[in-house]
Protein backbone atom coordinates (compact mmCIF):
# COMPACT_ATOMS: atom_id res chain seq x y z
CA MET A 1 6.26 -0.46 -11.78
CA LEU A 2 3.81 0.41 -9.00
CA ARG A 3 1.88 3.51 -9.97
CA ILE A 4 0.78 5.90 -7.23
CA SER A 5 -2.91 6.72 -7.28
CA TYR A 6 -5.99 6.84 -5.07
CA TRP A 7 -5.29 3.33 -3.76
CA VAL A 8 -2.70 4.79 -1.33
CA PHE A 9 -5.48 6.18 0.90
CA PRO A 10 -6.79 2.83 2.22
CA ILE A 11 -3.22 1.56 2.49
CA ILE A 12 -2.28 4.51 4.72
CA SER A 13 -5.43 3.96 6.79
CA GLY A 14 -4.76 0.25 7.21
CA VAL A 15 -1.06 0.63 8.00
CA VAL A 16 -1.68 3.32 10.62
CA TRP A 17 -4.47 1.32 12.30
CA LEU A 18 -2.46 -1.92 12.33
CA THR A 19 0.61 -0.09 13.65
CA THR A 20 -1.44 1.52 16.41
CA LEU A 21 -2.91 -1.81 17.49
CA LEU A 22 0.46 -3.56 17.54
CA ALA A 23 2.03 -0.68 19.46
CA LEU A 24 -0.70 -0.79 22.13
CA LEU A 25 -0.62 -4.58 22.44
CA LEU A 26 3.17 -4.91 22.57
CA TYR A 27 3.44 -2.01 25.00
CA TRP A 28 1.02 -3.71 27.39
CA ILE A 29 2.70 -7.14 27.07
CA VAL A 30 6.39 -6.18 26.90
CA ASP A 31 6.75 -2.84 28.68
CA GLU A 32 3.88 -3.01 31.14
CA LYS A 33 4.26 -6.74 31.85
CA ARG A 34 0.47 -7.24 31.50
CA ARG A 35 -0.28 -5.01 34.43
CA ARG A 36 -3.83 -4.24 35.53
CA TYR A 37 -4.84 -0.67 34.70
CA PRO A 38 -7.08 1.40 36.99
CA SER A 39 -9.87 1.19 34.39
CA MET A 40 -9.88 -2.62 34.49
CA ASP A 41 -12.24 -4.73 36.57
CA GLU A 42 -10.88 -6.57 39.62
CA LYS A 43 -11.41 -9.97 37.96
CA GLN A 44 -10.07 -8.81 34.61
CA ASN A 45 -6.61 -9.95 33.50
CA ILE A 46 -6.65 -9.06 29.77
CA ALA A 47 -6.72 -5.35 28.96
CA PHE A 48 -9.16 -3.89 26.47
CA ILE A 49 -7.75 -1.71 23.71
CA SER A 50 -9.29 1.25 25.48
CA ASP A 51 -7.55 0.34 28.74
CA VAL A 52 -4.15 0.56 27.09
CA GLY A 53 -5.25 3.61 25.08
CA ALA A 54 -6.09 5.42 28.31
CA SER A 55 -2.55 4.98 29.64
CA ASP A 56 0.66 6.73 28.64
CA LEU A 57 0.00 5.88 24.99
CA LYS A 58 -3.18 7.94 24.81
CA PRO A 59 -1.63 10.52 22.40
CA LEU A 60 -0.62 7.68 20.08
CA PHE A 61 -4.10 6.19 20.31
CA ILE A 62 -5.76 9.49 19.42
CA VAL A 63 -3.45 10.19 16.47
CA GLY A 64 -3.86 6.64 15.19
CA CYS A 65 -7.67 6.86 15.32
CA VAL A 66 -7.75 10.27 13.61
CA ILE A 67 -5.48 9.25 10.71
CA THR A 68 -7.22 5.90 10.26
CA GLY A 69 -10.72 7.38 10.17
CA VAL A 70 -9.89 10.38 7.99
CA PHE A 71 -8.05 8.39 5.32
CA LEU A 72 -10.78 5.76 5.26
CA ASP A 73 -13.36 8.47 4.63
CA ILE A 74 -11.14 9.90 1.89
CA SER A 75 -11.08 6.42 0.35
CA PHE A 76 -14.88 6.31 0.25
CA LEU A 77 -15.06 9.81 -1.22
CA SER A 78 -12.45 8.86 -3.83
CA ASP A 79 -14.45 5.80 -4.80
CA ARG A 80 -17.56 7.92 -5.34
CA TRP A 81 -15.66 10.58 -7.29
CA LEU A 82 -13.88 8.07 -9.53
CA ARG A 83 -17.16 6.34 -10.39
CA HIS A 84 -18.77 9.69 -11.15
CA ARG A 85 -15.90 10.60 -13.50
CA GLY A 86 -15.81 7.19 -15.21
CA ARG A 87 -12.39 6.32 -13.81
CA LEU A 88 -14.05 3.30 -12.17
CA VAL A 89 -17.15 1.54 -13.45
CA PRO A 90 -19.89 4.10 -12.79
CA ASN A 91 -23.04 3.94 -10.69
CA ALA A 92 -25.72 3.70 -13.37
CA THR A 93 -28.85 3.79 -11.19
CA ARG A 94 -30.19 6.05 -8.49
CA GLY A 95 -30.20 3.15 -6.03
CA GLU A 96 -26.46 2.61 -6.47
CA LYS A 97 -25.78 6.31 -5.93
CA VAL A 98 -27.93 6.33 -2.78
CA LEU A 99 -26.04 3.32 -1.41
CA SER A 100 -22.74 5.06 -2.16
CA GLY A 101 -23.91 8.16 -0.30
CA LEU A 102 -25.07 6.11 2.69
CA THR A 103 -21.70 4.34 2.74
CA ILE A 104 -19.93 7.68 3.10
CA PHE A 105 -22.41 8.98 5.67
CA PHE A 106 -22.15 5.97 7.98
CA ALA A 107 -18.37 5.92 7.56
CA VAL A 108 -18.23 9.53 8.79
CA VAL A 109 -20.43 8.52 11.75
CA GLY A 110 -18.04 5.66 12.52
CA THR A 111 -15.05 7.97 12.22
CA VAL A 112 -16.57 10.44 14.68
CA GLY A 113 -17.15 7.58 17.11
CA MET A 114 -13.58 6.32 16.64
CA ILE A 115 -11.97 9.71 17.27
CA PHE A 116 -14.08 10.64 20.27
CA LEU A 117 -13.76 7.24 21.98
CA SER A 118 -10.00 7.78 21.95
CA ILE A 119 -10.37 11.27 23.40
CA PHE A 120 -12.96 10.33 26.04
CA ASP A 121 -10.97 7.43 27.45
CA THR A 122 -12.53 4.62 29.44
CA HIS A 123 -10.72 5.58 32.66
CA HIS A 124 -11.87 9.21 32.99
CA HIS A 125 -15.07 9.18 30.85
CA PRO A 126 -16.48 5.62 30.91
CA VAL A 127 -20.06 6.53 29.91
CA GLN A 128 -19.10 8.78 26.99
CA HIS A 129 -16.50 6.25 25.91
CA ASP A 130 -19.07 3.45 25.68
CA ILE A 131 -21.45 5.67 23.68
CA PHE A 132 -18.78 6.55 21.13
CA LEU A 133 -17.64 2.92 21.01
CA LEU A 134 -21.18 1.89 20.04
CA LEU A 135 -21.28 4.70 17.48
CA PHE A 136 -17.99 3.48 16.01
CA ILE A 137 -19.16 -0.14 15.67
CA VAL A 138 -22.64 0.63 14.32
CA GLY A 139 -21.38 3.30 11.92
CA PHE A 140 -18.77 1.16 10.21
CA VAL A 141 -20.92 -1.99 10.15
CA LEU A 142 -23.76 -0.10 8.42
CA SER A 143 -21.25 1.49 6.07
CA ALA A 144 -19.92 -1.96 5.17
CA VAL A 145 -23.46 -3.27 4.60
CA CYS A 146 -24.23 -0.39 2.20
CA ILE A 147 -21.04 -0.73 0.16
CA CYS A 148 -21.48 -4.49 0.05
CA TRP A 149 -24.97 -4.01 -1.37
CA GLU A 150 -23.70 -1.43 -3.85
CA TYR A 151 -20.94 -3.73 -5.11
CA GLN A 152 -23.37 -6.61 -5.44
CA ARG A 153 -25.47 -4.50 -7.80
CA LEU A 154 -22.43 -3.25 -9.70
CA GLY A 155 -21.16 -6.82 -10.08
CA ASN A 156 -24.48 -7.91 -11.62
CA ARG A 157 -24.48 -4.96 -14.01
CA TYR A 158 -20.82 -5.16 -15.11
CA ARG A 159 -20.18 -8.89 -15.19
CA ASP A 160 -16.99 -8.54 -17.21
CA HIS A 161 -15.36 -6.69 -14.26
CA ARG A 162 -14.63 -9.64 -11.98
CA ILE A 163 -12.93 -7.42 -9.43
CA LEU A 164 -16.36 -6.18 -8.37
CA ARG A 165 -17.47 -9.69 -7.46
CA THR A 166 -14.22 -10.30 -5.59
CA SER A 167 -14.63 -7.09 -3.62
CA PHE A 168 -18.26 -7.93 -2.88
CA TRP A 169 -17.36 -11.29 -1.35
CA ILE A 170 -14.52 -9.78 0.70
CA LYS A 171 -16.85 -7.19 2.18
CA LEU A 172 -19.68 -9.68 2.70
CA ILE A 173 -17.37 -11.96 4.68
CA PHE A 174 -16.21 -8.97 6.73
CA VAL A 175 -19.80 -7.92 7.51
CA VAL A 176 -20.86 -11.40 8.60
CA VAL A 177 -17.75 -12.09 10.69
CA GLU A 178 -17.67 -8.67 12.36
CA ILE A 179 -21.37 -8.80 13.24
CA LEU A 180 -20.96 -12.22 14.84
CA LEU A 181 -17.87 -11.09 16.76
CA ALA A 182 -19.60 -7.87 17.84
CA ILE A 183 -22.50 -9.91 19.20
CA GLY A 184 -20.02 -12.04 21.14
CA PHE A 185 -18.19 -8.97 22.42
CA ILE A 186 -21.38 -7.31 23.66
CA THR A 187 -22.69 -10.54 25.16
CA PHE A 188 -19.57 -11.33 27.18
CA THR A 189 -19.28 -7.72 28.30
CA PHE A 190 -22.90 -7.78 29.50
CA ILE A 191 -22.37 -10.96 31.54
CA THR A 192 -19.08 -9.54 32.93
CA LYS A 193 -16.82 -12.08 31.21
CA PHE A 194 -14.36 -9.28 30.57
CA ASP A 195 -11.32 -11.35 29.60
CA THR A 196 -13.27 -13.12 26.86
CA ALA A 197 -14.80 -9.84 25.78
CA ALA A 198 -11.33 -8.28 25.58
CA VAL A 199 -10.14 -11.08 23.30
CA PHE A 200 -13.15 -10.50 21.04
CA GLU A 201 -12.36 -6.78 20.91
CA TRP A 202 -8.75 -7.31 19.85
CA VAL A 203 -9.83 -9.80 17.16
CA ILE A 204 -12.49 -7.38 15.85
CA ALA A 205 -9.89 -4.60 15.65
CA PHE A 206 -7.35 -6.68 13.71
CA ILE A 207 -9.99 -7.91 11.25
CA PHE A 208 -11.00 -4.28 10.77
CA SER A 209 -7.47 -3.57 9.51
CA ALA A 210 -7.93 -6.25 6.83
CA TYR A 211 -11.18 -4.53 5.82
CA LEU A 212 -9.28 -1.25 5.39
CA PHE A 213 -6.70 -2.89 3.13
CA SER A 214 -9.46 -4.40 0.97
CA PHE A 215 -10.23 -1.01 -0.56
CA TYR A 216 -6.91 -1.18 -2.37
CA VAL A 217 -8.64 -3.75 -4.62
CA ASP A 218 -11.41 -1.26 -5.42
CA LEU A 219 -9.30 1.82 -6.11
CA TYR A 220 -6.29 0.35 -7.89
CA PRO A 221 -8.05 -0.04 -11.31
CA ALA A 222 -8.17 3.77 -11.51
CA VAL A 223 -4.47 3.78 -12.45
CA ASN A 224 -5.48 2.39 -15.87
CA THR A 225 -8.01 5.15 -16.62
CA LYS A 226 -5.89 8.29 -16.33
CA ASP A 227 -6.09 8.54 -20.10
CA PRO A 228 -9.56 9.96 -21.01
CA ARG A 229 -9.79 7.39 -23.80
CA ASN A 230 -9.94 4.61 -21.21
CA LEU A 231 -12.86 6.02 -19.21
CA HIS A 232 -15.77 3.69 -18.48
CA SER A 233 -19.12 4.24 -20.14
CA LYS A 234 -22.34 4.50 -18.14
CA GLU A 235 -24.11 2.26 -20.65
CA PRO A 236 -24.88 -1.15 -19.09
CA GLN A 237 -24.08 -4.37 -20.87
CA GLN A 238 -26.65 -5.56 -23.40
CA SER A 239 -26.44 -9.14 -22.24
CA ARG A 240 -25.79 -10.72 -18.91
CA PHE A 241 -23.98 -13.57 -20.71
CA PRO A 242 -21.86 -12.08 -23.52
CA ALA A 243 -20.29 -15.39 -24.55
CA VAL A 244 -23.68 -17.08 -24.93
CA ALA A 245 -25.07 -14.06 -26.78
CA GLY A 246 -22.13 -14.15 -29.21
CA ALA A 247 -22.59 -17.86 -29.86
CA ALA A 248 -26.32 -17.35 -30.48
CA GLN A 249 -25.59 -14.55 -32.95
CA GLU A 250 -23.11 -16.72 -34.81
CA GLN A 251 -25.63 -19.56 -34.95
CA GLU A 252 -28.27 -17.19 -36.38
CA MET A 253 -25.83 -16.13 -39.11
CA GLU A 254 -25.09 -19.76 -40.00
CA GLU A 255 -28.80 -20.54 -40.16
CA GLY A 256 -29.30 -17.53 -42.44
CA HIS A 257 -26.61 -18.77 -44.84
CA ALA A 258 -28.15 -22.25 -44.80
CA THR A 259 -31.59 -20.81 -45.60
CA ALA A 260 -30.19 -18.78 -48.49
CA SER A 261 -28.41 -21.86 -49.90
CA SER A 262 -31.62 -23.87 -49.64
CA LEU A 263 -33.63 -21.22 -51.51
CA GLN A 264 -31.01 -21.07 -54.25
CA SER A 265 -31.14 -24.86 -54.63
CA ASP A 266 -34.94 -24.81 -54.91
CA THR A 267 -34.76 -22.06 -57.55
CA ASP A 268 -32.28 -24.07 -59.62
CA GLN A 269 -34.56 -27.09 -59.55
CA LEU A 270 -37.57 -25.03 -60.72
CA THR A 271 -35.71 -23.31 -63.59
CA GLY A 272 -33.59 -26.23 -64.64
CA GLY A 273 -30.44 -24.39 -63.86
CA ARG A 274 -31.27 -21.61 -66.35
CA TYR A 275 -31.20 -17.86 -65.88
CA TYR A 276 -33.40 -15.19 -67.41
CA SER A 277 -32.34 -11.91 -68.97
CA ALA A 278 -34.62 -9.39 -70.62
CA ASP A 279 -34.03 -7.78 -74.01
CA ALA A 280 -36.13 -5.80 -76.47
CA THR A 281 -37.84 -8.88 -77.96
CA GLY A 282 -38.39 -11.01 -74.92
CA VAL A 283 -36.50 -12.98 -72.35
CA THR A 284 -33.41 -15.00 -73.12
CA VAL A 285 -32.81 -18.19 -71.20
CA GLY A 286 -29.30 -19.34 -70.44
CA SER A 287 -28.15 -22.55 -68.82
CA GLY A 288 -26.33 -22.30 -65.54
CA ALA A 289 -23.55 -24.45 -67.01
CA GLY A 290 -22.85 -22.16 -69.95
CA GLY A 291 -25.08 -23.97 -72.51
CA ASN A 292 -26.70 -22.49 -75.66
CA ASP A 293 -29.07 -19.65 -75.14
CA ALA A 294 -32.60 -19.85 -76.52
CA PRO A 295 -35.30 -17.19 -76.59
CA VAL A 296 -38.51 -18.05 -74.78
CA VAL A 297 -41.77 -16.39 -74.11
CA PRO A 298 -41.51 -14.21 -70.96
CA PRO A 299 -43.60 -15.21 -67.97
CA VAL A 300 -47.25 -14.31 -68.21
CA GLY A 301 -48.28 -11.67 -65.64
CA GLN A 302 -51.64 -10.93 -64.20
CA ASN A 303 -54.64 -10.37 -66.55
CA GLY A 304 -53.04 -12.70 -69.12
CA HIS A 305 -50.50 -10.20 -70.42
CA HIS A 306 -46.87 -11.02 -71.00
CA ALA A 307 -44.20 -9.26 -68.93
CA ASN A 308 -42.80 -7.50 -72.04
CA GLY A 309 -45.59 -4.95 -72.24
CA GLY A 310 -48.41 -7.28 -73.35
CA ARG A 311 -46.93 -8.22 -76.82
CA HIS A 312 -46.88 -11.90 -77.84
CA SER A 313 -43.48 -13.15 -78.93
CA ASN A 314 -43.06 -14.69 -82.40
CA ASN A 315 -39.73 -16.27 -81.56
CA PHE A 316 -40.96 -19.89 -81.51
């Protein structure tokens, strides 16, 4: 059964963003018959997201941006809170906590840019719109870089939690792809290849929805730690390779047993398989195989005295 928990926040964010994009795109293609909006260039045939968002669907665009940004920020805050409480593997170093804080800060910056670019549309406020668009892109890219770095460090510290490595690679791929696409978008916009730039913008936006959904992977493990007995400890692993460490420990134990057996064998050879036991008159020797016992003189200690208090035995 699917258990409701903090993972619903990124799902809500991703669903709302994807729904908003599809609504804008289908509205422009189906209802508007690909018409050229007043905000579009004369040579431009493909509308930017902002061109459609500045039309009759502007209220939808604003609501979609607000819900997407707010729930994404809540996801980041939830991640930090759950790690602090031990519900997720905790941040054990100051560097990891700083990266987590920077992730939240830049996400808030990106959210502000997202909301205000939808309010200051490209038709009526082109300059302000471009400023907030840049703020949106830079904010979320830097946020992704910080959380990617944080998860890389967590993955090295908690190697038994493979989900951390998986999440790290997902976010790393997102960062690399989005940066390359953003460079293409800015380049084609600068050289006035607006149709190509518009295609890049739509692709960037749809990939961003996949990035939102990826935080489901990070927050879902918290459903297994509602019981306080299942909380994660802040103590790091003692070994980076637990399996190898376990094998080495087992080998050391086997070597210890072998050493003990060897010492016992050497002792038997020196004593002829006999054992010594002390009594009032001396030391009695017994064979290891259950032979007849015979009294012998105890071993001579230092200064020439016998071990039985210095008295010579007359048992010969």
